[in-house]
């Protein structure tokens, strides 16, 4: 099930409810990453990675919000997920980079960590990838901005995308060395509420339905 939260003449943005579309999400994220960073590939060669992403999202589903973009043919062309970390489930930043946010940042009980992941956009969909990125990021960081406790965004992001994020006003701190993940150079980062505010204030109007 999907709840539509934005629409225009070219696409809609919806929030996934339940687990019905999680495998579709996992396949889209993995395949788009490989298409963008590695060029040609065979779908059967990445089935294990698709399953891994799917199993992770099943585990995260209770505390996550997943936003997807679909074109007028109902094809998935964009996605992002934000997870409010319960400090119990293992995050990709822990599994891939061996970084514990409670050690690398701080362990105060009055702060909340929000993990953003599963960002992917079909760059051949005929829609501005930059616009879709801004919109998806606004939806993903909104709960962090509105968090009455100290809210932190943590993520593993493509190194090229990280430069775009910084140029758009998202202030980030690198937590460790980059590694290859899902076919791209990936960097572990975090940002504070303050570090997200310039971007949020500047682009939140993009998420008003037309």
Protein backbone atom coordinates (compact mmCIF):
# COMPACT_ATOMS: atom_id res chain seq x y z
CA UNK A 1 0.00 0.00 0.00
CA UNK A 2 1.14 3.56 -0.77
CA UNK A 3 -0.16 6.85 0.56
CA UNK A 4 0.26 9.64 -2.00
CA UNK A 5 1.79 12.79 -0.51
CA UNK A 6 2.74 14.79 -3.61
CA UNK A 7 1.68 14.87 -7.24
CA UNK A 8 2.22 16.88 -10.39
CA UNK A 9 1.67 16.29 -14.10
CA UNK A 10 4.80 14.09 -14.42
CA UNK A 11 5.08 12.00 -11.23
CA UNK A 12 3.80 11.25 -7.77
CA UNK A 13 5.58 10.77 -4.44
CA UNK A 14 4.11 8.26 -2.02
CA UNK A 15 4.93 6.82 1.37
CA UNK A 16 5.01 3.03 1.54
CA UNK A 17 2.84 1.36 4.16
CA UNK A 18 3.59 -2.21 5.23
CA UNK A 19 5.93 -4.64 3.48
CA UNK A 20 4.15 -5.14 0.18
CA UNK A 21 6.60 -3.18 -2.00
CA UNK A 22 9.85 -3.79 -0.13
CA UNK A 23 11.26 -6.29 -2.63
CA UNK A 24 10.46 -3.92 -5.48
CA UNK A 25 12.29 -1.21 -3.52
CA UNK A 26 15.34 -3.40 -2.91
CA UNK A 27 15.59 -4.43 -6.57
CA UNK A 28 15.24 -0.83 -7.73
CA UNK A 29 17.90 0.50 -5.35
CA UNK A 30 20.49 -2.15 -6.16
CA UNK A 31 19.92 -2.11 -9.93
CA UNK A 32 20.00 1.69 -10.14
CA UNK A 33 23.25 1.81 -8.18
CA UNK A 34 24.85 -0.70 -10.52
CA UNK A 35 23.51 1.00 -13.64
CA UNK A 36 24.79 4.37 -12.48
CA UNK A 37 28.19 3.31 -11.17
CA UNK A 38 29.11 0.07 -12.90
CA UNK A 39 27.37 0.26 -16.28
CA UNK A 40 26.18 -3.08 -17.67
CA UNK A 41 25.27 -5.95 -15.37
CA UNK A 42 23.12 -9.08 -15.28
CA UNK A 43 20.22 -9.05 -12.83
CA UNK A 44 20.93 -12.59 -11.65
CA UNK A 45 24.46 -11.55 -10.67
CA UNK A 46 23.16 -9.16 -8.00
CA UNK A 47 20.33 -11.24 -6.58
CA UNK A 48 22.21 -11.79 -3.31
CA UNK A 49 22.61 -8.04 -2.82
CA UNK A 50 18.94 -7.44 -3.59
CA UNK A 51 17.96 -10.05 -1.02
CA UNK A 52 20.29 -8.52 1.57
CA UNK A 53 18.76 -5.06 1.09
CA UNK A 54 15.28 -6.58 1.22
CA UNK A 55 15.98 -8.43 4.48
CA UNK A 56 17.43 -5.28 6.04
CA UNK A 57 14.35 -3.26 5.14
CA UNK A 58 12.08 -5.96 6.58
CA UNK A 59 14.05 -5.61 9.81
CA UNK A 60 13.85 -1.80 9.78
CA UNK A 61 10.24 -1.49 8.69
CA UNK A 62 8.69 -0.86 12.12
CA UNK A 63 10.63 2.38 12.66
CA UNK A 64 11.15 3.57 9.09
CA UNK A 65 9.46 5.82 6.57
CA UNK A 66 9.98 4.99 2.91
CA UNK A 67 9.24 7.49 0.15
CA UNK A 68 9.01 6.48 -3.50
CA UNK A 69 8.57 8.36 -6.76
CA UNK A 70 6.50 6.90 -9.59
CA UNK A 71 5.95 8.20 -13.10
CA UNK A 72 2.57 8.29 -14.79
CA UNK A 73 3.07 4.69 -15.93
CA UNK A 74 3.37 3.74 -12.23
CA UNK A 75 7.02 2.82 -12.68
CA UNK A 76 9.34 3.30 -9.73
CA UNK A 77 11.83 6.07 -10.57
CA UNK A 78 13.06 7.25 -7.16
CA UNK A 79 13.31 6.24 -3.50
CA UNK A 80 14.65 7.16 -0.08
CA UNK A 81 14.19 5.77 3.43
CA UNK A 82 14.61 7.33 6.88
CA UNK A 83 14.89 5.10 9.96
CA UNK A 84 14.64 6.21 13.58
CA UNK A 85 17.32 4.03 15.15
CA UNK A 86 16.26 2.14 18.26
CA UNK A 87 19.93 1.51 19.21
CA UNK A 88 19.31 -2.23 18.93
CA UNK A 89 19.12 -3.16 15.24
CA UNK A 90 22.41 -3.14 13.38
CA UNK A 91 22.81 -0.30 10.90
CA UNK A 92 24.71 -0.44 7.58
CA UNK A 93 27.23 2.05 8.97
CA UNK A 94 28.03 -0.52 11.66
CA UNK A 95 28.06 -3.56 9.36
CA UNK A 96 29.97 -1.98 6.47
CA UNK A 97 32.27 0.51 8.20
CA UNK A 98 32.44 -0.89 11.75
CA UNK A 99 31.37 2.52 13.09
CA UNK A 100 29.16 2.76 16.16
CA UNK A 101 27.39 6.16 16.26
CA UNK A 102 27.25 5.95 20.06
CA UNK A 103 31.04 5.96 20.11
CA UNK A 104 31.84 8.01 17.02
CA UNK A 105 29.38 10.82 17.86
CA UNK A 106 28.07 10.46 21.42
CA UNK A 107 25.89 8.22 23.57
CA UNK A 108 23.61 10.69 25.37
CA UNK A 109 20.14 9.28 25.90
CA UNK A 110 18.45 12.55 24.97
CA UNK A 111 19.54 12.36 21.33
CA UNK A 112 17.97 10.47 18.44
CA UNK A 113 19.77 9.02 15.46
CA UNK A 114 18.02 8.91 12.10
CA UNK A 115 19.56 6.75 9.39
CA UNK A 116 18.91 7.78 5.79
CA UNK A 117 19.43 5.22 3.07
CA UNK A 118 18.04 3.52 -0.05
CA UNK A 119 18.37 6.69 -2.06
CA UNK A 120 18.18 5.99 -5.79
CA UNK A 121 16.90 7.81 -8.86
CA UNK A 122 16.42 6.59 -12.42
CA UNK A 123 18.40 9.24 -14.29
CA UNK A 124 16.78 8.19 -17.59
CA UNK A 125 13.22 8.86 -16.44
CA UNK A 126 13.09 12.26 -18.15
CA UNK A 127 12.72 14.14 -14.86
CA UNK A 128 15.32 16.37 -13.21
CA UNK A 129 17.35 14.16 -10.88
CA UNK A 130 18.38 17.22 -8.87
CA UNK A 131 14.77 18.21 -8.25
CA UNK A 132 13.86 14.67 -7.20
CA UNK A 133 16.87 14.53 -4.89
CA UNK A 134 15.88 17.78 -3.19
CA UNK A 135 12.29 16.62 -2.73
CA UNK A 136 13.20 13.19 -1.41
CA UNK A 137 15.77 14.64 0.97
CA UNK A 138 13.23 17.12 2.34
CA UNK A 139 10.82 14.30 3.15
CA UNK A 140 13.62 12.22 4.67
CA UNK A 141 15.07 14.93 6.92
CA UNK A 142 11.77 16.47 8.01
CA UNK A 143 11.38 14.14 11.04
CA UNK A 144 14.95 15.00 12.06
CA UNK A 145 14.26 18.73 11.83
CA UNK A 146 11.03 18.33 13.81
CA UNK A 147 12.61 16.09 16.46
CA UNK A 148 12.32 17.85 19.82
CA UNK A 149 15.37 15.97 21.07
CA UNK A 150 18.85 16.33 19.59
CA UNK A 151 18.47 14.78 16.16
CA UNK A 152 21.33 13.46 14.04
CA UNK A 153 21.27 12.22 10.46
CA UNK A 154 23.64 9.34 9.74
CA UNK A 155 24.18 7.90 6.28
CA UNK A 156 26.51 6.16 3.87
CA UNK A 157 26.58 8.19 0.68
CA UNK A 158 28.22 8.07 -2.72
CA UNK A 159 31.25 10.37 -2.76
CA UNK A 160 30.00 12.33 -5.78
CA UNK A 161 26.56 12.76 -4.26
CA UNK A 162 28.17 13.97 -1.05
CA UNK A 163 29.71 16.89 -2.95
CA UNK A 164 26.26 17.78 -4.27
CA UNK A 165 24.78 17.60 -0.78
CA UNK A 166 27.43 19.94 0.59
CA UNK A 167 26.98 22.35 -2.32
CA UNK A 168 23.24 22.48 -1.61
CA UNK A 169 23.83 23.52 2.00
CA UNK A 170 23.83 20.22 3.89
CA UNK A 171 26.67 20.37 6.40
CA UNK A 172 28.19 16.93 6.98
CA UNK A 173 30.97 15.37 9.02
CA UNK A 174 32.86 12.36 7.64
CA UNK A 175 33.06 9.50 10.12
CA UNK A 176 35.63 7.29 8.42
CA UNK A 177 37.39 6.28 5.23
CA UNK A 178 35.36 5.53 2.11
CA UNK A 179 34.69 1.96 0.95
CA UNK A 180 33.19 0.38 -2.14
CA UNK A 181 29.52 -0.45 -1.52
CA UNK A 182 26.84 -1.21 -4.14
CA UNK A 183 29.32 -0.42 -6.93
CA UNK A 184 30.32 3.05 -5.75
CA UNK A 185 32.78 4.83 -3.47
CA UNK A 186 30.73 5.28 -0.31
CA UNK A 187 31.45 7.65 2.57
CA UNK A 188 30.07 7.37 6.16
CA UNK A 189 28.75 10.73 7.38
CA UNK A 190 26.57 12.44 9.93
CA UNK A 191 24.85 15.81 10.20
CA UNK A 192 23.22 17.73 13.04
CA UNK A 193 19.80 19.38 12.96
CA UNK A 194 21.60 22.70 12.54
CA UNK A 195 23.63 21.29 9.67
CA UNK A 196 20.43 20.32 7.83
CA UNK A 197 18.50 23.53 8.46
CA UNK A 198 19.86 25.68 5.61
CA UNK A 199 18.95 23.03 3.03
CA UNK A 200 15.55 22.38 4.62
CA UNK A 201 14.53 26.04 4.81
CA UNK A 202 15.62 26.70 1.24
CA UNK A 203 13.94 23.74 -0.47
CA UNK A 204 10.95 22.68 1.63
CA UNK A 205 8.59 24.58 -0.69
CA UNK A 206 9.36 22.00 -3.40
CA UNK A 207 7.24 19.51 -1.49
CA UNK A 208 4.02 21.49 -1.73
CA UNK A 209 1.60 19.68 -4.09
CA UNK A 210 0.86 21.55 -7.28
